Amino acid sequence: QRFYELNNLKKIDQQLVRSVESCRLDLRRFGVKFTANSSRPYFLGHEREDVVKNQQEFVKYFIEREQHFYTITNDAVPQWRIPTIAPTILLCHDESTYKCGEITAKRWIMPDNAPFYNKGGGRSIMCSDLLVMHPSGPFFSLTEKEYSEALKTYPN
């Protein structure tokens, strides 16, 4: 109301030129479908050539210097491997973001032209921690029950 007073305008209460139903009908005629808002490609830039090249160089750096790092054996009872030459302790910053799924269940999508889906939409909770690859740091392990549950969810 105040907007109209300040701008010396009169509010016109008239109905929409086209109904919502008419707009939906037009969208369908154009080939657009109101479908589930899922199974669309994610786009965050991870597959760009420069990003992939950088990741490969990053991994290569650590593989070439493996004898410098504290590592863990892949045995039934994992043990620490102590570096054979000048040791380097790896610090890893782990950030995990958990989404609450606040996106619409359906939306209008043109077939073969679905927009990219950005994982960053909606609310989220971020957990952050520093991991230390050294025998003095905590050693991650699962109980038999936790391991069985993890295998059900992630069989490979």
C-alpha atoms as a PDB file:
ATOM      1  CA  GLN A   1       0.000   0.000   0.000  1.00  0.00           C
ATOM      2  CA  ARG A   2       2.783   2.417   0.968  1.00  0.00           C
ATOM      3  CA  PHE A   3       4.518   1.794  -2.415  1.00  0.00           C
ATOM      4  CA  TYR A   4       1.442   3.009  -4.277  1.00  0.00           C
ATOM      5  CA  GLU A   5       1.156   6.102  -2.057  1.00  0.00           C
ATOM      6  CA  LEU A   6       4.832   7.059  -2.480  1.00  0.00           C
ATOM      7  CA  ASN A   7       4.727   6.619  -6.263  1.00  0.00           C
ATOM      8  CA  ASN A   8       1.289   8.157  -6.651  1.00  0.00           C
ATOM      9  CA  LEU A   9      -0.032   5.021  -8.327  1.00  0.00           C
ATOM     10  CA  LYS A  10      -3.386   3.325  -8.151  1.00  0.00           C
ATOM     11  CA  LYS A  11      -3.449  -0.410  -7.553  1.00  0.00           C
ATOM     12  CA  ILE A  12      -5.382  -2.240 -10.243  1.00  0.00           C
ATOM     13  CA  ASP A  13      -6.984  -5.459  -9.077  1.00  0.00           C
ATOM     14  CA  GLN A  14      -7.582  -7.357 -12.254  1.00  0.00           C
ATOM     15  CA  GLN A  15      -7.269 -11.049 -12.977  1.00  0.00           C
ATOM     16  CA  LEU A  16      -4.327 -12.585 -14.768  1.00  0.00           C
ATOM     17  CA  VAL A  17      -4.361 -12.393 -18.547  1.00  0.00           C
ATOM     18  CA  ARG A  18      -3.775 -16.157 -18.713  1.00  0.00           C
ATOM     19  CA  SER A  19      -4.644 -18.798 -16.189  1.00  0.00           C
ATOM     20  CA  VAL A  20      -2.072 -21.135 -14.673  1.00  0.00           C
ATOM     21  CA  GLU A  21      -3.818 -24.024 -16.416  1.00  0.00           C
ATOM     22  CA  SER A  22      -3.431 -22.322 -19.829  1.00  0.00           C
ATOM     23  CA  CYS A  23       0.290 -21.787 -19.206  1.00  0.00           C
ATOM     24  CA  ARG A  24       0.710 -25.461 -18.253  1.00  0.00           C
ATOM     25  CA  LEU A  25      -1.098 -26.506 -21.420  1.00  0.00           C
ATOM     26  CA  ASP A  26       1.232 -24.316 -23.514  1.00  0.00           C
ATOM     27  CA  LEU A  27       4.292 -25.816 -21.825  1.00  0.00           C
ATOM     28  CA  ARG A  28       3.055 -29.324 -22.658  1.00  0.00           C
ATOM     29  CA  ARG A  29       2.475 -28.277 -26.295  1.00  0.00           C
ATOM     30  CA  PHE A  30       6.096 -27.068 -26.419  1.00  0.00           C
ATOM     31  CA  GLY A  31       7.215 -30.544 -25.298  1.00  0.00           C
ATOM     32  CA  VAL A  32       8.075 -29.626 -21.717  1.00  0.00           C
ATOM     33  CA  LYS A  33       7.206 -32.245 -19.089  1.00  0.00           C
ATOM     34  CA  PHE A  34       6.504 -31.895 -15.383  1.00  0.00           C
ATOM     35  CA  THR A  35       8.732 -34.710 -14.140  1.00  0.00           C
ATOM     36  CA  ALA A  36      10.694 -35.791 -11.099  1.00  0.00           C
ATOM     37  CA  ASN A  37      13.519 -33.438 -10.153  1.00  0.00           C
ATOM     38  CA  SER A  38      16.150 -36.192 -10.076  1.00  0.00           C
ATOM     39  CA  SER A  39      18.507 -38.267 -12.207  1.00  0.00           C
ATOM     40  CA  ARG A  40      19.986 -35.187 -13.821  1.00  0.00           C
ATOM     41  CA  PRO A  41      23.700 -34.620 -14.299  1.00  0.00           C
ATOM     42  CA  TYR A  42      25.633 -32.812 -11.590  1.00  0.00           C
ATOM     43  CA  PHE A  43      27.905 -30.002 -12.657  1.00  0.00           C
ATOM     44  CA  LEU A  44      30.516 -28.734 -10.284  1.00  0.00           C
ATOM     45  CA  GLY A  45      33.513 -28.530 -12.607  1.00  0.00           C
ATOM     46  CA  HIS A  46      35.215 -31.754 -11.462  1.00  0.00           C
ATOM     47  CA  GLU A  47      35.362 -33.170 -14.986  1.00  0.00           C
ATOM     48  CA  ARG A  48      37.050 -30.165 -16.632  1.00  0.00           C
ATOM     49  CA  GLU A  49      40.324 -31.055 -18.380  1.00  0.00           C
ATOM     50  CA  ASP A  50      42.431 -28.696 -16.259  1.00  0.00           C
ATOM     51  CA  VAL A  51      40.898 -30.044 -13.041  1.00  0.00           C
ATOM     52  CA  VAL A  52      41.460 -33.688 -14.048  1.00  0.00           C
ATOM     53  CA  LYS A  53      45.083 -32.908 -15.054  1.00  0.00           C
ATOM     54  CA  ASN A  54      45.699 -31.173 -11.720  1.00  0.00           C
ATOM     55  CA  GLN A  55      44.228 -34.149  -9.808  1.00  0.00           C
ATOM     56  CA  GLN A  56      46.472 -36.584 -11.700  1.00  0.00           C
ATOM     57  CA  GLU A  57      49.578 -34.494 -10.945  1.00  0.00           C
ATOM     58  CA  PHE A  58      48.542 -34.257  -7.276  1.00  0.00           C
ATOM     59  CA  VAL A  59      48.154 -38.046  -6.921  1.00  0.00           C
ATOM     60  CA  LYS A  60      51.399 -38.710  -8.839  1.00  0.00           C
ATOM     61  CA  TYR A  61      53.289 -36.459  -6.407  1.00  0.00           C
ATOM     62  CA  PHE A  62      52.207 -38.579  -3.426  1.00  0.00           C
ATOM     63  CA  ILE A  63      52.762 -41.938  -5.124  1.00  0.00           C
ATOM     64  CA  GLU A  64      56.333 -40.962  -6.045  1.00  0.00           C
ATOM     65  CA  ARG A  65      57.054 -40.011  -2.403  1.00  0.00           C
ATOM     66  CA  GLU A  66      55.252 -42.912  -0.711  1.00  0.00           C
ATOM     67  CA  GLN A  67      58.384 -44.028   1.177  1.00  0.00           C
ATOM     68  CA  HIS A  68      58.334 -40.680   3.054  1.00  0.00           C
ATOM     69  CA  PHE A  69      54.855 -41.153   4.546  1.00  0.00           C
ATOM     70  CA  TYR A  70      53.402 -43.048   7.449  1.00  0.00           C
ATOM     71  CA  THR A  71      50.978 -45.516   5.855  1.00  0.00           C
ATOM     72  CA  ILE A  72      48.811 -48.404   6.966  1.00  0.00           C
ATOM     73  CA  THR A  73      49.031 -52.003   5.755  1.00  0.00           C
ATOM     74  CA  ASN A  74      46.005 -53.552   4.070  1.00  0.00           C
ATOM     75  CA  ASP A  75      46.059 -56.679   6.261  1.00  0.00           C
ATOM     76  CA  ALA A  76      43.332 -58.252   8.384  1.00  0.00           C
ATOM     77  CA  VAL A  77      44.965 -56.480  11.323  1.00  0.00           C
ATOM     78  CA  PRO A  78      46.284 -53.199   9.875  1.00  0.00           C
ATOM     79  CA  GLN A  79      49.648 -51.981  11.127  1.00  0.00           C
ATOM     80  CA  TRP A  80      51.494 -48.707  10.705  1.00  0.00           C
ATOM     81  CA  ARG A  81      54.349 -48.626   8.187  1.00  0.00           C
ATOM     82  CA  ILE A  82      57.105 -46.314   9.375  1.00  0.00           C
ATOM     83  CA  PRO A  83      58.879 -44.282   6.648  1.00  0.00           C
ATOM     84  CA  THR A  84      62.304 -45.545   5.598  1.00  0.00           C
ATOM     85  CA  ILE A  85      63.700 -42.075   4.823  1.00  0.00           C
ATOM     86  CA  ALA A  86      63.081 -38.510   6.047  1.00  0.00           C
ATOM     87  CA  PRO A  87      59.485 -38.767   7.300  1.00  0.00           C
ATOM     88  CA  THR A  88      56.643 -36.521   6.210  1.00  0.00           C
ATOM     89  CA  ILE A  89      53.443 -36.437   8.243  1.00  0.00           C
ATOM     90  CA  LEU A  90      50.304 -35.959   6.177  1.00  0.00           C
ATOM     91  CA  LEU A  91      47.568 -33.719   7.513  1.00  0.00           C
ATOM     92  CA  CYS A  92      44.227 -34.104   5.756  1.00  0.00           C
ATOM     93  CA  HIS A  93      41.402 -31.624   6.089  1.00  0.00           C
ATOM     94  CA  ASP A  94      38.155 -33.540   5.723  1.00  0.00           C
ATOM     95  CA  GLU A  95      34.930 -31.664   5.044  1.00  0.00           C
ATOM     96  CA  SER A  96      31.686 -33.553   4.629  1.00  0.00           C
ATOM     97  CA  THR A  97      28.497 -31.769   3.663  1.00  0.00           C
ATOM     98  CA  TYR A  98      25.181 -33.423   4.396  1.00  0.00           C
ATOM     99  CA  LYS A  99      22.225 -32.125   2.423  1.00  0.00           C
ATOM    100  CA  CYS A 100      18.742 -32.079   3.854  1.00  0.00           C
ATOM    101  CA  GLY A 101      17.160 -32.619   0.439  1.00  0.00           C
ATOM    102  CA  GLU A 102      15.261 -29.346   0.288  1.00  0.00           C
ATOM    103  CA  ILE A 103      14.607 -29.305  -3.430  1.00  0.00           C
ATOM    104  CA  THR A 104      11.286 -29.532  -5.205  1.00  0.00           C
ATOM    105  CA  ALA A 105      10.144 -33.056  -6.008  1.00  0.00           C
ATOM    106  CA  LYS A 106       9.097 -32.119  -9.556  1.00  0.00           C
ATOM    107  CA  ARG A 107       9.730 -29.347 -12.052  1.00  0.00           C
ATOM    108  CA  TRP A 108       9.153 -28.469 -15.692  1.00  0.00           C
ATOM    109  CA  ILE A 109      11.947 -29.968 -17.803  1.00  0.00           C
ATOM    110  CA  MET A 110      12.453 -29.927 -21.570  1.00  0.00           C
ATOM    111  CA  PRO A 111      13.370 -33.477 -22.760  1.00  0.00           C
ATOM    112  CA  ASP A 112      17.026 -33.896 -23.819  1.00  0.00           C
ATOM    113  CA  ASN A 113      17.707 -30.430 -22.442  1.00  0.00           C
ATOM    114  CA  ALA A 114      17.519 -30.941 -18.681  1.00  0.00           C
ATOM    115  CA  PRO A 115      19.352 -28.256 -16.730  1.00  0.00           C
ATOM    116  CA  PHE A 116      22.344 -29.211 -14.629  1.00  0.00           C
ATOM    117  CA  TYR A 117      21.616 -29.846 -10.994  1.00  0.00           C
ATOM    118  CA  ASN A 118      23.833 -28.006  -8.540  1.00  0.00           C
ATOM    119  CA  LYS A 119      24.391 -30.008  -5.371  1.00  0.00           C
ATOM    120  CA  GLY A 120      24.749 -26.768  -3.442  1.00  0.00           C
ATOM    121  CA  GLY A 121      21.017 -25.952  -3.367  1.00  0.00           C
ATOM    122  CA  GLY A 122      19.076 -26.127  -0.122  1.00  0.00           C
ATOM    123  CA  ARG A 123      20.208 -26.290   3.475  1.00  0.00           C
ATOM    124  CA  SER A 124      23.136 -28.397   4.577  1.00  0.00           C
ATOM    125  CA  ILE A 125      25.224 -29.340   7.583  1.00  0.00           C
ATOM    126  CA  MET A 126      29.009 -29.312   7.268  1.00  0.00           C
ATOM    127  CA  CYS A 127      31.273 -31.448   9.444  1.00  0.00           C
ATOM    128  CA  SER A 128      34.955 -30.600   9.356  1.00  0.00           C
ATOM    129  CA  ASP A 129      37.957 -32.353  10.892  1.00  0.00           C
ATOM    130  CA  LEU A 130      41.733 -32.650  10.546  1.00  0.00           C
ATOM    131  CA  LEU A 131      43.115 -36.167  10.120  1.00  0.00           C
ATOM    132  CA  VAL A 132      46.732 -36.982  10.951  1.00  0.00           C
ATOM    133  CA  MET A 133      48.523 -39.884   9.239  1.00  0.00           C
ATOM    134  CA  HIS A 134      50.778 -40.794  12.142  1.00  0.00           C
ATOM    135  CA  PRO A 135      50.741 -43.571  14.765  1.00  0.00           C
ATOM    136  CA  SER A 136      50.007 -40.962  17.466  1.00  0.00           C
ATOM    137  CA  GLY A 137      46.697 -40.070  15.776  1.00  0.00           C
ATOM    138  CA  PRO A 138      43.396 -41.959  16.099  1.00  0.00           C
ATOM    139  CA  PHE A 139      43.072 -45.179  14.115  1.00  0.00           C
ATOM    140  CA  PHE A 140      39.756 -45.578  12.299  1.00  0.00           C
ATOM    141  CA  SER A 141      38.033 -48.935  12.704  1.00  0.00           C
ATOM    142  CA  LEU A 142      34.567 -50.484  12.490  1.00  0.00           C
ATOM    143  CA  THR A 143      32.956 -53.137  14.650  1.00  0.00           C
ATOM    144  CA  GLU A 144      31.819 -56.343  12.895  1.00  0.00           C
ATOM    145  CA  LYS A 145      28.211 -55.083  12.943  1.00  0.00           C
ATOM    146  CA  GLU A 146      29.177 -51.676  11.491  1.00  0.00           C
ATOM    147  CA  TYR A 147      31.272 -53.395   8.820  1.00  0.00           C
ATOM    148  CA  SER A 148      28.375 -55.702   7.838  1.00  0.00           C
ATOM    149  CA  GLU A 149      26.009 -52.729   7.561  1.00  0.00           C
ATOM    150  CA  ALA A 150      28.537 -50.822   5.450  1.00  0.00           C
ATOM    151  CA  LEU A 151      28.885 -53.802   3.082  1.00  0.00           C
ATOM    152  CA  LYS A 152      25.104 -53.904   2.604  1.00  0.00           C
ATOM    153  CA  THR A 153      25.075 -50.250   1.584  1.00  0.00           C
ATOM    154  CA  TYR A 154      28.358 -50.312  -0.377  1.00  0.00           C
ATOM    155  CA  PRO A 155      28.853 -53.886  -1.690  1.00  0.00           C
ATOM    156  CA  ASN A 156      31.812 -53.013  -3.921  1.00  0.00           C
END
